[in-house]
Amino acid sequence: HDALPILSNRSEDIFFATTVSIAAADDPDTAIESFSISLVRPGSYSYGVFKILNCCFWVISLLCVFFIIKRFTTSKTFPYLAMFLCSSSILFQRYCSVLQYEVPVACLFLVSLVILYRFHSLKSAAIVGTLLAMLAIFRFHFSMIAPILCLLMALNRSSLERRRAIALVCGFLIIAVPFNLMYSVKVG
């Protein structure tokens, strides 16, 4: 598998290289490896940009932890304590500084939970389904979260929650089915 050369530091070229890299890889883990080899080289302009972007994902993740804990507790101190504990995680800080893709993945997962519990519409559930499907492309474990969330939503007696569960599944399938078909055809 040949790594893509660095095209330039312009954002449209970075997006193009990322798209080609992910589409050209035989499996998602190789796609991430190809992405990091082709665009993020120590000392280059893009390396600093991606480090700053990873730090932004880290801060967004901390805010999401705050809002998730605030949603499920009446205590005023627990959300701050949870945010502090997550921010003091040495592993999370190191992942952020060495450009591990787990930081944006964790951020996207936490954002999807905030969207699901903050906005109670069919559209928000479908958006969460698509986000979970994108996460499942990078890590298969995320594909198990969609059925668990749907089950929890379906157990609710509200007809809105049941419709939101169906919207979440539809959003998941919009991304998951075409990707898996393409992957199956390509790999065999």
C-alpha atoms as a PDB file:
ATOM      1  CA  HIS A   1       0.000   0.000   0.000  1.00  0.00           C
ATOM      2  CA  ASP A   2       1.609   3.254  -1.123  1.00  0.00           C
ATOM      3  CA  ALA A   3       1.246   6.285   1.088  1.00  0.00           C
ATOM      4  CA  LEU A   4       0.019   9.461  -0.529  1.00  0.00           C
ATOM      5  CA  PRO A   5       2.590  12.234  -0.770  1.00  0.00           C
ATOM      6  CA  ILE A   6       1.956  15.539   0.973  1.00  0.00           C
ATOM      7  CA  LEU A   7       0.095  17.617  -1.589  1.00  0.00           C
ATOM      8  CA  SER A   8       0.389  21.003   0.075  1.00  0.00           C
ATOM      9  CA  ASN A   9      -0.701  22.769   3.209  1.00  0.00           C
ATOM     10  CA  ARG A  10      -3.919  24.125   1.710  1.00  0.00           C
ATOM     11  CA  SER A  11      -7.036  22.833   3.426  1.00  0.00           C
ATOM     12  CA  GLU A  12      -8.740  21.644   0.225  1.00  0.00           C
ATOM     13  CA  ASP A  13      -5.708  19.493  -0.605  1.00  0.00           C
ATOM     14  CA  ILE A  14      -5.679  18.046   2.904  1.00  0.00           C
ATOM     15  CA  PHE A  15      -9.354  17.123   2.536  1.00  0.00           C
ATOM     16  CA  PHE A  16      -8.691  15.561  -0.879  1.00  0.00           C
ATOM     17  CA  ALA A  17      -5.764  13.509   0.418  1.00  0.00           C
ATOM     18  CA  THR A  18      -7.788  12.345   3.409  1.00  0.00           C
ATOM     19  CA  THR A  19     -10.684  11.257   1.196  1.00  0.00           C
ATOM     20  CA  VAL A  20      -8.443   9.415  -1.244  1.00  0.00           C
ATOM     21  CA  SER A  21      -6.515   7.772   1.573  1.00  0.00           C
ATOM     22  CA  ILE A  22      -9.599   6.429   3.319  1.00  0.00           C
ATOM     23  CA  ALA A  23     -11.251   5.305   0.082  1.00  0.00           C
ATOM     24  CA  ALA A  24      -8.076   3.636  -1.206  1.00  0.00           C
ATOM     25  CA  ALA A  25      -7.294   1.582   1.885  1.00  0.00           C
ATOM     26  CA  ASP A  26      -8.291  -2.056   2.158  1.00  0.00           C
ATOM     27  CA  ASP A  27      -9.259  -1.793   5.802  1.00  0.00           C
ATOM     28  CA  PRO A  28     -10.025   1.154   8.096  1.00  0.00           C
ATOM     29  CA  ASP A  29      -6.909   0.716  10.248  1.00  0.00           C
ATOM     30  CA  THR A  30      -4.697   1.046   7.164  1.00  0.00           C
ATOM     31  CA  ALA A  31      -6.671   4.121   6.129  1.00  0.00           C
ATOM     32  CA  ILE A  32      -5.840   5.862   9.383  1.00  0.00           C
ATOM     33  CA  GLU A  33      -2.197   4.804   9.067  1.00  0.00           C
ATOM     34  CA  SER A  34      -2.086   6.086   5.507  1.00  0.00           C
ATOM     35  CA  PHE A  35      -3.701   9.357   6.602  1.00  0.00           C
ATOM     36  CA  SER A  36      -1.129   9.941   9.319  1.00  0.00           C
ATOM     37  CA  ILE A  37       1.798   9.025   7.072  1.00  0.00           C
ATOM     38  CA  SER A  38       0.676  11.160   4.170  1.00  0.00           C
ATOM     39  CA  LEU A  39      -0.371  14.337   5.958  1.00  0.00           C
ATOM     40  CA  VAL A  40       1.093  14.556   9.412  1.00  0.00           C
ATOM     41  CA  ARG A  41       4.863  14.659   9.437  1.00  0.00           C
ATOM     42  CA  PRO A  42       6.735  16.058  12.432  1.00  0.00           C
ATOM     43  CA  GLY A  43       8.059  19.517  11.710  1.00  0.00           C
ATOM     44  CA  SER A  44       5.594  20.218   8.915  1.00  0.00           C
ATOM     45  CA  TYR A  45       2.920  22.893   8.980  1.00  0.00           C
ATOM     46  CA  SER A  46       0.122  20.312   9.010  1.00  0.00           C
ATOM     47  CA  TYR A  47       1.582  18.604  12.092  1.00  0.00           C
ATOM     48  CA  GLY A  48       1.037  21.728  14.200  1.00  0.00           C
ATOM     49  CA  VAL A  49      -2.427  22.284  12.761  1.00  0.00           C
ATOM     50  CA  PHE A  50      -3.496  18.750  13.600  1.00  0.00           C
ATOM     51  CA  LYS A  51      -2.071  19.032  17.127  1.00  0.00           C
ATOM     52  CA  ILE A  52      -4.112  22.192  17.708  1.00  0.00           C
ATOM     53  CA  LEU A  53      -7.166  20.495  16.222  1.00  0.00           C
ATOM     54  CA  ASN A  54      -6.665  17.505  18.524  1.00  0.00           C
ATOM     55  CA  CYS A  55      -6.483  19.877  21.519  1.00  0.00           C
ATOM     56  CA  CYS A  56      -9.767  21.448  20.395  1.00  0.00           C
ATOM     57  CA  PHE A  57     -11.335  17.970  20.224  1.00  0.00           C
ATOM     58  CA  TRP A  58     -10.061  17.351  23.755  1.00  0.00           C
ATOM     59  CA  VAL A  59     -11.692  20.545  25.082  1.00  0.00           C
ATOM     60  CA  ILE A  60     -14.961  19.741  23.286  1.00  0.00           C
ATOM     61  CA  SER A  61     -14.857  16.252  24.835  1.00  0.00           C
ATOM     62  CA  LEU A  62     -14.485  17.761  28.298  1.00  0.00           C
ATOM     63  CA  LEU A  63     -17.469  20.045  27.711  1.00  0.00           C
ATOM     64  CA  CYS A  64     -19.515  17.085  26.501  1.00  0.00           C
ATOM     65  CA  VAL A  65     -18.640  15.143  29.659  1.00  0.00           C
ATOM     66  CA  PHE A  66     -19.849  18.130  31.673  1.00  0.00           C
ATOM     67  CA  PHE A  67     -23.203  18.271  29.835  1.00  0.00           C
ATOM     68  CA  ILE A  68     -23.749  14.498  29.958  1.00  0.00           C
ATOM     69  CA  ILE A  69     -23.130  14.297  33.711  1.00  0.00           C
ATOM     70  CA  LYS A  70     -25.238  17.429  34.268  1.00  0.00           C
ATOM     71  CA  ARG A  71     -28.116  15.747  32.433  1.00  0.00           C
ATOM     72  CA  PHE A  72     -28.143  12.727  34.744  1.00  0.00           C
ATOM     73  CA  THR A  73     -27.494  14.302  38.145  1.00  0.00           C
ATOM     74  CA  THR A  74     -28.922  17.090  40.249  1.00  0.00           C
ATOM     75  CA  SER A  75     -25.588  17.760  41.926  1.00  0.00           C
ATOM     76  CA  LYS A  76     -23.835  20.957  40.948  1.00  0.00           C
ATOM     77  CA  THR A  77     -20.361  19.577  41.731  1.00  0.00           C
ATOM     78  CA  PHE A  78     -20.446  16.203  39.908  1.00  0.00           C
ATOM     79  CA  PRO A  79     -20.266  17.665  36.378  1.00  0.00           C
ATOM     80  CA  TYR A  80     -17.224  19.738  37.324  1.00  0.00           C
ATOM     81  CA  LEU A  81     -15.625  16.792  39.102  1.00  0.00           C
ATOM     82  CA  ALA A  82     -16.172  14.527  36.077  1.00  0.00           C
ATOM     83  CA  MET A  83     -14.724  17.154  33.764  1.00  0.00           C
ATOM     84  CA  PHE A  84     -11.707  17.574  36.061  1.00  0.00           C
ATOM     85  CA  LEU A  85     -11.112  13.815  36.260  1.00  0.00           C
ATOM     86  CA  CYS A  86     -11.249  13.468  32.479  1.00  0.00           C
ATOM     87  CA  SER A  87      -8.954  16.443  31.975  1.00  0.00           C
ATOM     88  CA  SER A  88      -6.411  15.005  34.407  1.00  0.00           C
ATOM     89  CA  SER A  89      -6.198  11.706  32.522  1.00  0.00           C
ATOM     90  CA  ILE A  90      -2.549  11.362  31.487  1.00  0.00           C
ATOM     91  CA  LEU A  91      -3.468   8.884  28.757  1.00  0.00           C
ATOM     92  CA  PHE A  92      -5.981  11.265  27.166  1.00  0.00           C
ATOM     93  CA  GLN A  93      -3.487  14.143  27.348  1.00  0.00           C
ATOM     94  CA  ARG A  94      -0.769  12.058  25.695  1.00  0.00           C
ATOM     95  CA  TYR A  95      -3.118  10.845  22.973  1.00  0.00           C
ATOM     96  CA  CYS A  96      -3.910  14.478  22.297  1.00  0.00           C
ATOM     97  CA  SER A  97      -0.265  15.488  22.023  1.00  0.00           C
ATOM     98  CA  VAL A  98       0.929  12.629  19.803  1.00  0.00           C
ATOM     99  CA  LEU A  99      -1.962  12.813  17.345  1.00  0.00           C
ATOM    100  CA  GLN A 100      -3.781   9.606  18.163  1.00  0.00           C
ATOM    101  CA  TYR A 101      -7.083   9.394  16.315  1.00  0.00           C
ATOM    102  CA  GLU A 102      -8.813   8.225  19.490  1.00  0.00           C
ATOM    103  CA  VAL A 103      -9.190  11.871  20.566  1.00  0.00           C
ATOM    104  CA  PRO A 104     -11.452  12.926  17.643  1.00  0.00           C
ATOM    105  CA  VAL A 105     -13.256   9.576  17.847  1.00  0.00           C
ATOM    106  CA  ALA A 106     -13.964  10.047  21.564  1.00  0.00           C
ATOM    107  CA  CYS A 107     -15.055  13.614  20.872  1.00  0.00           C
ATOM    108  CA  LEU A 108     -17.428  12.534  18.112  1.00  0.00           C
ATOM    109  CA  PHE A 109     -18.901   9.839  20.346  1.00  0.00           C
ATOM    110  CA  LEU A 110     -19.459  12.261  23.224  1.00  0.00           C
ATOM    111  CA  VAL A 111     -20.951  14.864  20.876  1.00  0.00           C
ATOM    112  CA  SER A 112     -23.374  12.238  19.575  1.00  0.00           C
ATOM    113  CA  LEU A 113     -24.489  11.444  23.142  1.00  0.00           C
ATOM    114  CA  VAL A 114     -25.004  15.134  23.882  1.00  0.00           C
ATOM    115  CA  ILE A 115     -27.068  15.525  20.706  1.00  0.00           C
ATOM    116  CA  LEU A 116     -29.134  12.455  21.555  1.00  0.00           C
ATOM    117  CA  TYR A 117     -29.960  13.542  25.108  1.00  0.00           C
ATOM    118  CA  ARG A 118     -30.141  17.299  24.561  1.00  0.00           C
ATOM    119  CA  PHE A 119     -32.362  17.444  21.469  1.00  0.00           C
ATOM    120  CA  HIS A 120     -35.454  15.282  21.363  1.00  0.00           C
ATOM    121  CA  SER A 121     -36.308  15.217  17.678  1.00  0.00           C
ATOM    122  CA  LEU A 122     -36.268  12.611  14.940  1.00  0.00           C
ATOM    123  CA  LYS A 123     -33.626  14.602  13.075  1.00  0.00           C
ATOM    124  CA  SER A 124     -31.245  14.578  16.037  1.00  0.00           C
ATOM    125  CA  ALA A 125     -31.635  10.802  16.410  1.00  0.00           C
ATOM    126  CA  ALA A 126     -30.886  10.311  12.694  1.00  0.00           C
ATOM    127  CA  ILE A 127     -27.797  12.522  13.018  1.00  0.00           C
ATOM    128  CA  VAL A 128     -26.608  10.430  15.971  1.00  0.00           C
ATOM    129  CA  GLY A 129     -27.142   7.279  13.881  1.00  0.00           C
ATOM    130  CA  THR A 130     -24.943   8.641  11.085  1.00  0.00           C
ATOM    131  CA  LEU A 131     -22.257   9.711  13.584  1.00  0.00           C
ATOM    132  CA  LEU A 132     -22.239   6.246  15.157  1.00  0.00           C
ATOM    133  CA  ALA A 133     -21.950   4.647  11.717  1.00  0.00           C
ATOM    134  CA  MET A 134     -18.943   6.853  10.906  1.00  0.00           C
ATOM    135  CA  LEU A 135     -17.388   5.836  14.216  1.00  0.00           C
ATOM    136  CA  ALA A 136     -18.081   2.169  13.455  1.00  0.00           C
ATOM    137  CA  ILE A 137     -16.037   2.507  10.258  1.00  0.00           C
ATOM    138  CA  PHE A 138     -12.966   3.258  12.358  1.00  0.00           C
ATOM    139  CA  ARG A 139     -13.713   0.961  15.287  1.00  0.00           C
ATOM    140  CA  PHE A 140     -16.151  -1.928  14.971  1.00  0.00           C
ATOM    141  CA  HIS A 141     -17.048  -1.691  18.669  1.00  0.00           C
ATOM    142  CA  PHE A 142     -19.089   1.434  18.004  1.00  0.00           C
ATOM    143  CA  SER A 143     -21.500  -0.583  15.872  1.00  0.00           C
ATOM    144  CA  MET A 144     -22.748  -2.197  19.087  1.00  0.00           C
ATOM    145  CA  ILE A 145     -23.705   1.141  20.635  1.00  0.00           C
ATOM    146  CA  ALA A 146     -26.485   1.846  18.121  1.00  0.00           C
ATOM    147  CA  PRO A 147     -28.525  -1.281  19.022  1.00  0.00           C
ATOM    148  CA  ILE A 148     -28.034  -0.633  22.740  1.00  0.00           C
ATOM    149  CA  LEU A 149     -29.262   2.960  22.405  1.00  0.00           C
ATOM    150  CA  CYS A 150     -32.182   1.818  20.266  1.00  0.00           C
ATOM    151  CA  LEU A 151     -33.154  -0.788  22.842  1.00  0.00           C
ATOM    152  CA  LEU A 152     -33.057   1.789  25.636  1.00  0.00           C
ATOM    153  CA  MET A 153     -35.130   4.185  23.561  1.00  0.00           C
ATOM    154  CA  ALA A 154     -37.639   1.491  22.556  1.00  0.00           C
ATOM    155  CA  LEU A 155     -38.149   0.462  26.188  1.00  0.00           C
ATOM    156  CA  ASN A 156     -39.440   3.956  26.858  1.00  0.00           C
ATOM    157  CA  ARG A 157     -43.222   4.069  26.709  1.00  0.00           C
ATOM    158  CA  SER A 158     -43.218   7.248  24.652  1.00  0.00           C
ATOM    159  CA  SER A 159     -44.075   6.855  20.975  1.00  0.00           C
ATOM    160  CA  LEU A 160     -41.640   9.696  20.188  1.00  0.00           C
ATOM    161  CA  GLU A 161     -38.761   7.690  21.689  1.00  0.00           C
ATOM    162  CA  ARG A 162     -39.710   4.659  19.615  1.00  0.00           C
ATOM    163  CA  ARG A 163     -39.749   6.782  16.463  1.00  0.00           C
ATOM    164  CA  ARG A 164     -36.398   8.269  17.469  1.00  0.00           C
ATOM    165  CA  ALA A 165     -35.014   4.727  17.774  1.00  0.00           C
ATOM    166  CA  ILE A 166     -36.167   4.008  14.214  1.00  0.00           C
ATOM    167  CA  ALA A 167     -34.625   7.298  13.023  1.00  0.00           C
ATOM    168  CA  LEU A 168     -31.340   6.371  14.713  1.00  0.00           C
ATOM    169  CA  VAL A 169     -31.301   3.010  12.908  1.00  0.00           C
ATOM    170  CA  CYS A 170     -32.088   4.696   9.581  1.00  0.00           C
ATOM    171  CA  GLY A 171     -29.296   7.225  10.100  1.00  0.00           C
ATOM    172  CA  PHE A 172     -26.899   4.406  10.948  1.00  0.00           C
ATOM    173  CA  LEU A 173     -27.875   2.389   7.881  1.00  0.00           C
ATOM    174  CA  ILE A 174     -27.489   5.358   5.506  1.00  0.00           C
ATOM    175  CA  ILE A 175     -23.728   5.294   6.173  1.00  0.00           C
ATOM    176  CA  ALA A 176     -23.127   1.677   7.197  1.00  0.00           C
ATOM    177  CA  VAL A 177     -24.801  -0.131   4.296  1.00  0.00           C
ATOM    178  CA  PRO A 178     -23.019   1.672   1.412  1.00  0.00           C
ATOM    179  CA  PHE A 179     -19.657   1.476   3.185  1.00  0.00           C
ATOM    180  CA  ASN A 180     -20.018  -2.246   3.919  1.00  0.00           C
ATOM    181  CA  LEU A 181     -21.175  -2.955   0.364  1.00  0.00           C
ATOM    182  CA  MET A 182     -18.193  -1.069  -1.060  1.00  0.00           C
ATOM    183  CA  TYR A 183     -15.832  -2.796   1.345  1.00  0.00           C
ATOM    184  CA  SER A 184     -17.304  -6.253   0.569  1.00  0.00           C
ATOM    185  CA  VAL A 185     -17.036  -5.714  -3.178  1.00  0.00           C
ATOM    186  CA  LYS A 186     -13.481  -4.429  -2.907  1.00  0.00           C
ATOM    187  CA  VAL A 187     -12.163  -7.079  -0.504  1.00  0.00           C
ATOM    188  CA  GLY A 188     -14.413  -9.918  -1.589  1.00  0.00           C
END
